[in-house]
Amino acid sequence: PGGSLRLSCAASGSIFSIAAMGWYRQA
């Protein structure tokens, strides 16, 4: 608790079509 993490998400393929990216989570 109180710590940090950094998540990365690398995209490939038809990246020209991307309008937005982000993160969802599921507990």
mmCIF file of all heavy atoms, coordinates in Angstrom:
data_MODEL
# 
_entry.id   MODEL 
# 
loop_
_atom_site.group_PDB 
_atom_site.id 
_atom_site.type_symbol 
_atom_site.label_atom_id 
_atom_site.label_alt_id 
_atom_site.label_comp_id 
_atom_site.label_asym_id 
_atom_site.label_entity_id 
_atom_site.label_seq_id 
_atom_site.pdbx_PDB_ins_code 
_atom_site.Cartn_x 
_atom_site.Cartn_y 
_atom_site.Cartn_z 
_atom_site.occupancy 
_atom_site.B_iso_or_equiv 
_atom_site.pdbx_formal_charge 
_atom_site.auth_seq_id 
_atom_site.auth_comp_id 
_atom_site.auth_asym_id 
_atom_site.auth_atom_id 
_atom_site.pdbx_PDB_model_num 
ATOM 1   N N   . PRO A 1 1  ? 0.838   -1.206 0.000   1.00 0.00 ? 1  PRO A N   1 
ATOM 2   C CA  . PRO A 1 1  ? 0.000   0.000  0.000   1.00 0.00 ? 1  PRO A CA  1 
ATOM 3   C C   . PRO A 1 1  ? 0.868   1.249  0.000   1.00 0.00 ? 1  PRO A C   1 
ATOM 4   O O   . PRO A 1 1  ? 1.888   1.305  0.703   1.00 0.00 ? 1  PRO A O   1 
ATOM 5   C CB  . PRO A 1 1  ? -0.793  -0.113 1.294   1.00 0.00 ? 1  PRO A CB  1 
ATOM 6   C CG  . PRO A 1 1  ? -0.819  -1.569 1.603   1.00 0.00 ? 1  PRO A CG  1 
ATOM 7   C CD  . PRO A 1 1  ? 0.501   -2.112 1.102   1.00 0.00 ? 1  PRO A CD  1 
ATOM 8   N N   . GLY A 1 2  ? 0.479   2.192  -0.812  1.00 0.00 ? 2  GLY A N   1 
ATOM 9   C CA  . GLY A 1 2  ? 1.264   3.402  -0.929  1.00 0.00 ? 2  GLY A CA  1 
ATOM 10  C C   . GLY A 1 2  ? 2.349   3.326  -1.974  1.00 0.00 ? 2  GLY A C   1 
ATOM 11  O O   . GLY A 1 2  ? 2.981   4.345  -2.289  1.00 0.00 ? 2  GLY A O   1 
ATOM 12  N N   . GLY A 1 3  ? 2.554   2.157  -2.536  1.00 0.00 ? 3  GLY A N   1 
ATOM 13  C CA  . GLY A 1 3  ? 3.583   1.965  -3.546  1.00 0.00 ? 3  GLY A CA  1 
ATOM 14  C C   . GLY A 1 3  ? 3.128   2.419  -4.920  1.00 0.00 ? 3  GLY A C   1 
ATOM 15  O O   . GLY A 1 3  ? 2.030   2.964  -5.088  1.00 0.00 ? 3  GLY A O   1 
ATOM 16  N N   . SER A 1 4  ? 3.993   2.156  -5.889  1.00 0.00 ? 4  SER A N   1 
ATOM 17  C CA  . SER A 1 4  ? 3.736   2.584  -7.256  1.00 0.00 ? 4  SER A CA  1 
ATOM 18  C C   . SER A 1 4  ? 3.963   1.448  -8.240  1.00 0.00 ? 4  SER A C   1 
ATOM 19  O O   . SER A 1 4  ? 4.752   0.533  -7.983  1.00 0.00 ? 4  SER A O   1 
ATOM 20  C CB  . SER A 1 4  ? 4.671   3.747  -7.625  1.00 0.00 ? 4  SER A CB  1 
ATOM 21  O OG  . SER A 1 4  ? 4.444   4.873  -6.809  1.00 0.00 ? 4  SER A OG  1 
ATOM 22  N N   . LEU A 1 5  ? 3.276   1.525  -9.343  1.00 0.00 ? 5  LEU A N   1 
ATOM 23  C CA  . LEU A 1 5  ? 3.469   0.624  -10.468 1.00 0.00 ? 5  LEU A CA  1 
ATOM 24  C C   . LEU A 1 5  ? 3.311   1.434  -11.740 1.00 0.00 ? 5  LEU A C   1 
ATOM 25  O O   . LEU A 1 5  ? 2.562   2.416  -11.760 1.00 0.00 ? 5  LEU A O   1 
ATOM 26  C CB  . LEU A 1 5  ? 2.421   -0.488 -10.495 1.00 0.00 ? 5  LEU A CB  1 
ATOM 27  C CG  . LEU A 1 5  ? 2.594   -1.718 -9.618  1.00 0.00 ? 5  LEU A CG  1 
ATOM 28  C CD1 . LEU A 1 5  ? 1.370   -2.611 -9.757  1.00 0.00 ? 5  LEU A CD1 1 
ATOM 29  C CD2 . LEU A 1 5  ? 3.864   -2.483 -9.971  1.00 0.00 ? 5  LEU A CD2 1 
ATOM 30  N N   . ARG A 1 6  ? 4.003   1.004  -12.786 1.00 0.00 ? 6  ARG A N   1 
ATOM 31  C CA  . ARG A 1 6  ? 3.778   1.588  -14.096 1.00 0.00 ? 6  ARG A CA  1 
ATOM 32  C C   . ARG A 1 6  ? 3.442   0.484  -15.079 1.00 0.00 ? 6  ARG A C   1 
ATOM 33  O O   . ARG A 1 6  ? 4.223   -0.450 -15.274 1.00 0.00 ? 6  ARG A O   1 
ATOM 34  C CB  . ARG A 1 6  ? 4.994   2.377  -14.591 1.00 0.00 ? 6  ARG A CB  1 
ATOM 35  C CG  . ARG A 1 6  ? 4.668   3.189  -15.840 1.00 0.00 ? 6  ARG A CG  1 
ATOM 36  C CD  . ARG A 1 6  ? 5.785   4.080  -16.303 1.00 0.00 ? 6  ARG A CD  1 
ATOM 37  N NE  . ARG A 1 6  ? 6.779   3.382  -17.094 1.00 0.00 ? 6  ARG A NE  1 
ATOM 38  C CZ  . ARG A 1 6  ? 7.526   3.953  -18.020 1.00 0.00 ? 6  ARG A CZ  1 
ATOM 39  N NH1 . ARG A 1 6  ? 7.389   5.241  -18.276 1.00 0.00 ? 6  ARG A NH1 1 
ATOM 40  N NH2 . ARG A 1 6  ? 8.431   3.256  -18.673 1.00 0.00 ? 6  ARG A NH2 1 
ATOM 41  N N   . LEU A 1 7  ? 2.288   0.621  -15.680 1.00 0.00 ? 7  LEU A N   1 
ATOM 42  C CA  . LEU A 1 7  ? 1.840   -0.317 -16.696 1.00 0.00 ? 7  LEU A CA  1 
ATOM 43  C C   . LEU A 1 7  ? 2.145   0.245  -18.074 1.00 0.00 ? 7  LEU A C   1 
ATOM 44  O O   . LEU A 1 7  ? 2.052   1.451  -18.289 1.00 0.00 ? 7  LEU A O   1 
ATOM 45  C CB  . LEU A 1 7  ? 0.346   -0.590 -16.569 1.00 0.00 ? 7  LEU A CB  1 
ATOM 46  C CG  . LEU A 1 7  ? -0.162  -1.058 -15.211 1.00 0.00 ? 7  LEU A CG  1 
ATOM 47  C CD1 . LEU A 1 7  ? -1.660  -1.309 -15.290 1.00 0.00 ? 7  LEU A CD1 1 
ATOM 48  C CD2 . LEU A 1 7  ? 0.578   -2.285 -14.734 1.00 0.00 ? 7  LEU A CD2 1 
ATOM 49  N N   . SER A 1 8  ? 2.482   -0.656 -18.977 1.00 0.00 ? 8  SER A N   1 
ATOM 50  C CA  . SER A 1 8  ? 2.743   -0.267 -20.365 1.00 0.00 ? 8  SER A CA  1 
ATOM 51  C C   . SER A 1 8  ? 1.827   -1.044 -21.292 1.00 0.00 ? 8  SER A C   1 
ATOM 52  O O   . SER A 1 8  ? 1.487   -2.196 -21.010 1.00 0.00 ? 8  SER A O   1 
ATOM 53  C CB  . SER A 1 8  ? 4.201   -0.567 -20.742 1.00 0.00 ? 8  SER A CB  1 
ATOM 54  O OG  . SER A 1 8  ? 5.101   0.118  -19.910 1.00 0.00 ? 8  SER A OG  1 
ATOM 55  N N   . CYS A 1 9  ? 1.464   -0.421 -22.389 1.00 0.00 ? 9  CYS A N   1 
ATOM 56  C CA  . CYS A 1 9  ? 0.630   -1.066 -23.396 1.00 0.00 ? 9  CYS A CA  1 
ATOM 57  C C   . CYS A 1 9  ? 1.172   -0.687 -24.762 1.00 0.00 ? 9  CYS A C   1 
ATOM 58  O O   . CYS A 1 9  ? 1.073   0.474  -25.164 1.00 0.00 ? 9  CYS A O   1 
ATOM 59  C CB  . CYS A 1 9  ? -0.820  -0.641 -23.248 1.00 0.00 ? 9  CYS A CB  1 
ATOM 60  S SG  . CYS A 1 9  ? -1.911  -1.301 -24.527 1.00 0.00 ? 9  CYS A SG  1 
ATOM 61  N N   . ALA A 1 10 ? 1.746   -1.657 -25.436 1.00 0.00 ? 10 ALA A N   1 
ATOM 62  C CA  . ALA A 1 10 ? 2.328   -1.415 -26.752 1.00 0.00 ? 10 ALA A CA  1 
ATOM 63  C C   . ALA A 1 10 ? 1.351   -1.846 -27.834 1.00 0.00 ? 10 ALA A C   1 
ATOM 64  O O   . ALA A 1 10 ? 0.840   -2.971 -27.807 1.00 0.00 ? 10 ALA A O   1 
ATOM 65  C CB  . ALA A 1 10 ? 3.642   -2.189 -26.894 1.00 0.00 ? 10 ALA A CB  1 
ATOM 66  N N   . ALA A 1 11 ? 1.097   -0.941 -28.769 1.00 0.00 ? 11 ALA A N   1 
ATOM 67  C CA  . ALA A 1 11 ? 0.151   -1.192 -29.850 1.00 0.00 ? 11 ALA A CA  1 
ATOM 68  C C   . ALA A 1 11 ? 0.893   -1.493 -31.148 1.00 0.00 ? 11 ALA A C   1 
ATOM 69  O O   . ALA A 1 11 ? 1.946   -0.913 -31.421 1.00 0.00 ? 11 ALA A O   1 
ATOM 70  C CB  . ALA A 1 11 ? -0.771  0.007  -30.045 1.00 0.00 ? 11 ALA A CB  1 
ATOM 71  N N   . SER A 1 12 ? 0.317   -2.378 -31.940 1.00 0.00 ? 12 SER A N   1 
ATOM 72  C CA  . SER A 1 12 ? 0.847   -2.681 -33.263 1.00 0.00 ? 12 SER A CA  1 
ATOM 73  C C   . SER A 1 12 ? -0.319  -2.993 -34.183 1.00 0.00 ? 12 SER A C   1 
ATOM 74  O O   . SER A 1 12 ? -1.453  -3.152 -33.741 1.00 0.00 ? 12 SER A O   1 
ATOM 75  C CB  . SER A 1 12 ? 1.831   -3.850 -33.204 1.00 0.00 ? 12 SER A CB  1 
ATOM 76  O OG  . SER A 1 12 ? 1.187   -5.024 -32.746 1.00 0.00 ? 12 SER A OG  1 
ATOM 77  N N   . GLY A 1 13 ? -0.021  -3.070 -35.459 1.00 0.00 ? 13 GLY A N   1 
ATOM 78  C CA  . GLY A 1 13 ? -1.076  -3.338 -36.431 1.00 0.00 ? 13 GLY A CA  1 
ATOM 79  C C   . GLY A 1 13 ? -1.620  -2.043 -37.001 1.00 0.00 ? 13 GLY A C   1 
ATOM 80  O O   . GLY A 1 13 ? -0.871  -1.135 -37.336 1.00 0.00 ? 13 GLY A O   1 
ATOM 81  N N   . SER A 1 14 ? -2.917  -1.938 -37.064 1.00 0.00 ? 14 SER A N   1 
ATOM 82  C CA  . SER A 1 14 ? -3.577  -0.775 -37.687 1.00 0.00 ? 14 SER A CA  1 
ATOM 83  C C   . SER A 1 14 ? -3.664  0.402  -36.721 1.00 0.00 ? 14 SER A C   1 
ATOM 84  O O   . SER A 1 14 ? -4.745  0.905  -36.408 1.00 0.00 ? 14 SER A O   1 
ATOM 85  C CB  . SER A 1 14 ? -4.968  -1.166 -38.163 1.00 0.00 ? 14 SER A CB  1 
ATOM 86  O OG  . SER A 1 14 ? -4.911  -2.237 -39.077 1.00 0.00 ? 14 SER A OG  1 
ATOM 87  N N   . ILE A 1 15 ? -2.519  0.880  -36.269 1.00 0.00 ? 15 ILE A N   1 
ATOM 88  C CA  . ILE A 1 15 ? -2.495  1.926  -35.257 1.00 0.00 ? 15 ILE A CA  1 
ATOM 89  C C   . ILE A 1 15 ? -3.012  3.254  -35.784 1.00 0.00 ? 15 ILE A C   1 
ATOM 90  O O   . ILE A 1 15 ? -3.439  4.110  -35.005 1.00 0.00 ? 15 ILE A O   1 
ATOM 91  C CB  . ILE A 1 15 ? -1.086  2.092  -34.665 1.00 0.00 ? 15 ILE A CB  1 
ATOM 92  C CG1 . ILE A 1 15 ? -0.084  2.423  -35.767 1.00 0.00 ? 15 ILE A CG1 1 
ATOM 93  C CG2 . ILE A 1 15 ? -0.675  0.847  -33.894 1.00 0.00 ? 15 ILE A CG2 1 
ATOM 94  C CD1 . ILE A 1 15 ? 1.290   2.744  -35.257 1.00 0.00 ? 15 ILE A CD1 1 
ATOM 95  N N   . PHE A 1 16 ? -3.021  3.426  -37.105 1.00 0.00 ? 16 PHE A N   1 
ATOM 96  C CA  . PHE A 1 16 ? -3.517  4.678  -37.680 1.00 0.00 ? 16 PHE A CA  1 
ATOM 97  C C   . PHE A 1 16 ? -4.998  4.865  -37.375 1.00 0.00 ? 16 PHE A C   1 
ATOM 98  O O   . PHE A 1 16 ? -5.513  5.980  -37.429 1.00 0.00 ? 16 PHE A O   1 
ATOM 99  C CB  . PHE A 1 16 ? -3.299  4.672  -39.194 1.00 0.00 ? 16 PHE A CB  1 
ATOM 100 C CG  . PHE A 1 16 ? -3.999  3.544  -39.891 1.00 0.00 ? 16 PHE A CG  1 
ATOM 101 C CD1 . PHE A 1 16 ? -5.309  3.679  -40.330 1.00 0.00 ? 16 PHE A CD1 1 
ATOM 102 C CD2 . PHE A 1 16 ? -3.363  2.327  -40.102 1.00 0.00 ? 16 PHE A CD2 1 
ATOM 103 C CE1 . PHE A 1 16 ? -5.966  2.637  -40.962 1.00 0.00 ? 16 PHE A CE1 1 
ATOM 104 C CE2 . PHE A 1 16 ? -4.003  1.284  -40.736 1.00 0.00 ? 16 PHE A CE2 1 
ATOM 105 C CZ  . PHE A 1 16 ? -5.311  1.431  -41.166 1.00 0.00 ? 16 PHE A CZ  1 
ATOM 106 N N   . SER A 1 17 ? -5.698  3.771  -37.082 1.00 0.00 ? 17 SER A N   1 
ATOM 107 C CA  . SER A 1 17 ? -7.138  3.836  -36.838 1.00 0.00 ? 17 SER A CA  1 
ATOM 108 C C   . SER A 1 17 ? -7.491  4.210  -35.399 1.00 0.00 ? 17 SER A C   1 
ATOM 109 O O   . SER A 1 17 ? -8.646  4.446  -35.086 1.00 0.00 ? 17 SER A O   1 
ATOM 110 C CB  . SER A 1 17 ? -7.777  2.486  -37.164 1.00 0.00 ? 17 SER A CB  1 
ATOM 111 O OG  . SER A 1 17 ? -7.370  1.496  -36.231 1.00 0.00 ? 17 SER A OG  1 
ATOM 112 N N   . ILE A 1 18 ? -6.480  4.273  -34.529 1.00 0.00 ? 18 ILE A N   1 
ATOM 113 C CA  . ILE A 1 18 ? -6.742  4.487  -33.111 1.00 0.00 ? 18 ILE A CA  1 
ATOM 114 C C   . ILE A 1 18 ? -7.108  5.940  -32.826 1.00 0.00 ? 18 ILE A C   1 
ATOM 115 O O   . ILE A 1 18 ? -6.383  6.852  -33.212 1.00 0.00 ? 18 ILE A O   1 
ATOM 116 C CB  . ILE A 1 18 ? -5.524  4.088  -32.268 1.00 0.00 ? 18 ILE A CB  1 
ATOM 117 C CG1 . ILE A 1 18 ? -5.237  2.596  -32.424 1.00 0.00 ? 18 ILE A CG1 1 
ATOM 118 C CG2 . ILE A 1 18 ? -5.765  4.423  -30.792 1.00 0.00 ? 18 ILE A CG2 1 
ATOM 119 C CD1 . ILE A 1 18 ? -3.962  2.151  -31.743 1.00 0.00 ? 18 ILE A CD1 1 
ATOM 120 N N   . ALA A 1 19 ? -8.227  6.144  -32.134 1.00 0.00 ? 19 ALA A N   1 
ATOM 121 C CA  . ALA A 1 19 ? -8.646  7.477  -31.720 1.00 0.00 ? 19 ALA A CA  1 
ATOM 122 C C   . ALA A 1 19 ? -8.375  7.711  -30.236 1.00 0.00 ? 19 ALA A C   1 
ATOM 123 O O   . ALA A 1 19 ? -8.201  8.849  -29.803 1.00 0.00 ? 19 ALA A O   1 
ATOM 124 C CB  . ALA A 1 19 ? -10.127 7.683  -32.004 1.00 0.00 ? 19 ALA A CB  1 
ATOM 125 N N   . ALA A 1 20 ? -8.363  6.647  -29.483 1.00 0.00 ? 20 ALA A N   1 
ATOM 126 C CA  . ALA A 1 20 ? -8.124  6.759  -28.047 1.00 0.00 ? 20 ALA A CA  1 
ATOM 127 C C   . ALA A 1 20 ? -7.622  5.425  -27.519 1.00 0.00 ? 20 ALA A C   1 
ATOM 128 O O   . ALA A 1 20 ? -7.914  4.366  -28.080 1.00 0.00 ? 20 ALA A O   1 
ATOM 129 C CB  . ALA A 1 20 ? -9.401  7.154  -27.303 1.00 0.00 ? 20 ALA A CB  1 
ATOM 130 N N   . MET A 1 21 ? -6.873  5.498  -26.446 1.00 0.00 ? 21 MET A N   1 
ATOM 131 C CA  . MET A 1 21 ? -6.422  4.307  -25.736 1.00 0.00 ? 21 MET A CA  1 
ATOM 132 C C   . MET A 1 21 ? -6.586  4.543  -24.252 1.00 0.00 ? 21 MET A C   1 
ATOM 133 O O   . MET A 1 21 ? -6.730  5.691  -23.799 1.00 0.00 ? 21 MET A O   1 
ATOM 134 C CB  . MET A 1 21 ? -4.956  3.991  -26.054 1.00 0.00 ? 21 MET A CB  1 
ATOM 135 C CG  . MET A 1 21 ? -4.725  3.563  -27.487 1.00 0.00 ? 21 MET A CG  1 
ATOM 136 S SD  . MET A 1 21 ? -2.992  3.154  -27.825 1.00 0.00 ? 21 MET A SD  1 
ATOM 137 C CE  . MET A 1 21 ? -2.760  1.683  -26.831 1.00 0.00 ? 21 MET A CE  1 
ATOM 138 N N   . GLY A 1 22 ? -6.575  3.478  -23.507 1.00 0.00 ? 22 GLY A N   1 
ATOM 139 C CA  . GLY A 1 22 ? -6.706  3.647  -22.075 1.00 0.00 ? 22 GLY A CA  1 
ATOM 140 C C   . GLY A 1 22 ? -6.673  2.323  -21.346 1.00 0.00 ? 22 GLY A C   1 
ATOM 141 O O   . GLY A 1 22 ? -6.266  1.299  -21.910 1.00 0.00 ? 22 GLY A O   1 
ATOM 142 N N   . TRP A 1 23 ? -7.140  2.378  -20.128 1.00 0.00 ? 23 TRP A N   1 
ATOM 143 C CA  . TRP A 1 23 ? -7.089  1.229  -19.240 1.00 0.00 ? 23 TRP A CA  1 
ATOM 144 C C   . TRP A 1 23 ? -8.424  1.053  -18.513 1.00 0.00 ? 23 TRP A C   1 
ATOM 145 O O   . TRP A 1 23 ? -8.993  2.020  -18.004 1.00 0.00 ? 23 TRP A O   1 
ATOM 146 C CB  . TRP A 1 23 ? -5.990  1.411  -18.189 1.00 0.00 ? 23 TRP A CB  1 
ATOM 147 C CG  . TRP A 1 23 ? -4.625  1.502  -18.776 1.00 0.00 ? 23 TRP A CG  1 
ATOM 148 C CD1 . TRP A 1 23 ? -4.003  2.629  -19.239 1.00 0.00 ? 23 TRP A CD1 1 
ATOM 149 C CD2 . TRP A 1 23 ? -3.703  0.434  -18.977 1.00 0.00 ? 23 TRP A CD2 1 
ATOM 150 N NE1 . TRP A 1 23 ? -2.757  2.319  -19.708 1.00 0.00 ? 23 TRP A NE1 1 
ATOM 151 C CE2 . TRP A 1 23 ? -2.541  0.990  -19.562 1.00 0.00 ? 23 TRP A CE2 1 
ATOM 152 C CE3 . TRP A 1 23 ? -3.729  -0.927 -18.709 1.00 0.00 ? 23 TRP A CE3 1 
ATOM 153 C CZ2 . TRP A 1 23 ? -1.427  0.208  -19.885 1.00 0.00 ? 23 TRP A CZ2 1 
ATOM 154 C CZ3 . TRP A 1 23 ? -2.628  -1.690 -19.025 1.00 0.00 ? 23 TRP A CZ3 1 
ATOM 155 C CH2 . TRP A 1 23 ? -1.500  -1.129 -19.612 1.00 0.00 ? 23 TRP A CH2 1 
ATOM 156 N N   . TYR A 1 24 ? -8.862  -0.168 -18.484 1.00 0.00 ? 24 TYR A N   1 
ATOM 157 C CA  . TYR A 1 24 ? -9.949  -0.593 -17.625 1.00 0.00 ? 24 TYR A CA  1 
ATOM 158 C C   . TYR A 1 24 ? -9.341  -1.521 -16.577 1.00 0.00 ? 24 TYR A C   1 
ATOM 159 O O   . TYR A 1 24 ? -8.260  -2.070 -16.768 1.00 0.00 ? 24 TYR A O   1 
ATOM 160 C CB  . TYR A 1 24 ? -11.010 -1.364 -18.412 1.00 0.00 ? 24 TYR A CB  1 
ATOM 161 C CG  . TYR A 1 24 ? -12.037 -0.517 -19.113 1.00 0.00 ? 24 TYR A CG  1 
ATOM 162 C CD1 . TYR A 1 24 ? -11.712 0.224  -20.244 1.00 0.00 ? 24 TYR A CD1 1 
ATOM 163 C CD2 . TYR A 1 24 ? -13.360 -0.474 -18.663 1.00 0.00 ? 24 TYR A CD2 1 
ATOM 164 C CE1 . TYR A 1 24 ? -12.662 0.996  -20.891 1.00 0.00 ? 24 TYR A CE1 1 
ATOM 165 C CE2 . TYR A 1 24 ? -14.324 0.284  -19.312 1.00 0.00 ? 24 TYR A CE2 1 
ATOM 166 C CZ  . TYR A 1 24 ? -13.969 1.015  -20.428 1.00 0.00 ? 24 TYR A CZ  1 
ATOM 167 O OH  . TYR A 1 24 ? -14.919 1.772  -21.068 1.00 0.00 ? 24 TYR A OH  1 
ATOM 168 N N   . ARG A 1 25 ? -10.060 -1.685 -15.509 1.00 0.00 ? 25 ARG A N   1 
ATOM 169 C CA  . ARG A 1 25 ? -9.647  -2.701 -14.543 1.00 0.00 ? 25 ARG A CA  1 
ATOM 170 C C   . ARG A 1 25 ? -10.869 -3.482 -14.076 1.00 0.00 ? 25 ARG A C   1 
ATOM 171 O O   . ARG A 1 25 ? -11.992 -2.977 -14.075 1.00 0.00 ? 25 ARG A O   1 
ATOM 172 C CB  . ARG A 1 25 ? -8.923  -2.089 -13.337 1.00 0.00 ? 25 ARG A CB  1 
ATOM 173 C CG  . ARG A 1 25 ? -9.796  -1.303 -12.392 1.00 0.00 ? 25 ARG A CG  1 
ATOM 174 C CD  . ARG A 1 25 ? -8.962  -0.682 -11.291 1.00 0.00 ? 25 ARG A CD  1 
ATOM 175 N NE  . ARG A 1 25 ? -9.774  0.170  -10.423 1.00 0.00 ? 25 ARG A NE  1 
ATOM 176 C CZ  . ARG A 1 25 ? -9.279  1.071  -9.587  1.00 0.00 ? 25 ARG A CZ  1 
ATOM 177 N NH1 . ARG A 1 25 ? -7.947  1.221  -9.491  1.00 0.00 ? 25 ARG A NH1 1 
ATOM 178 N NH2 . ARG A 1 25 ? -10.074 1.810  -8.841  1.00 0.00 ? 25 ARG A NH2 1 
ATOM 179 N N   . GLN A 1 26 ? -10.587 -4.702 -13.651 1.00 0.00 ? 26 GLN A N   1 
ATOM 180 C CA  . GLN A 1 26 ? -11.658 -5.556 -13.140 1.00 0.00 ? 26 GLN A CA  1 
ATOM 181 C C   . GLN A 1 26 ? -11.201 -6.176 -11.843 1.00 0.00 ? 26 GLN A C   1 
ATOM 182 O O   . GLN A 1 26 ? -10.237 -6.972 -11.822 1.00 0.00 ? 26 GLN A O   1 
ATOM 183 C CB  . GLN A 1 26 ? -12.032 -6.634 -14.159 1.00 0.00 ? 26 GLN A CB  1 
ATOM 184 C CG  . GLN A 1 26 ? -13.239 -7.445 -13.762 1.00 0.00 ? 26 GLN A CG  1 
ATOM 185 C CD  . GLN A 1 26 ? -13.820 -8.211 -14.925 1.00 0.00 ? 26 GLN A CD  1 
ATOM 186 O OE1 . GLN A 1 26 ? -13.152 -8.466 -15.921 1.00 0.00 ? 26 GLN A OE1 1 
ATOM 187 N NE2 . GLN A 1 26 ? -15.087 -8.575 -14.808 1.00 0.00 ? 26 GLN A NE2 1 
ATOM 188 N N   . ALA A 1 27 ? -11.861 -5.795 -10.767 1.00 0.00 ? 27 ALA A N   1 
ATOM 189 C CA  . ALA A 1 27 ? -11.581 -6.368 -9.462  1.00 0.00 ? 27 ALA A CA  1 
ATOM 190 C C   . ALA A 1 27 ? -12.355 -7.671 -9.319  1.00 0.00 ? 27 ALA A C   1 
ATOM 191 O O   . ALA A 1 27 ? -13.380 -7.872 -9.986  1.00 0.00 ? 27 ALA A O   1 
ATOM 192 C CB  . ALA A 1 27 ? -11.975 -5.380 -8.370  1.00 0.00 ? 27 ALA A CB  1 
# 
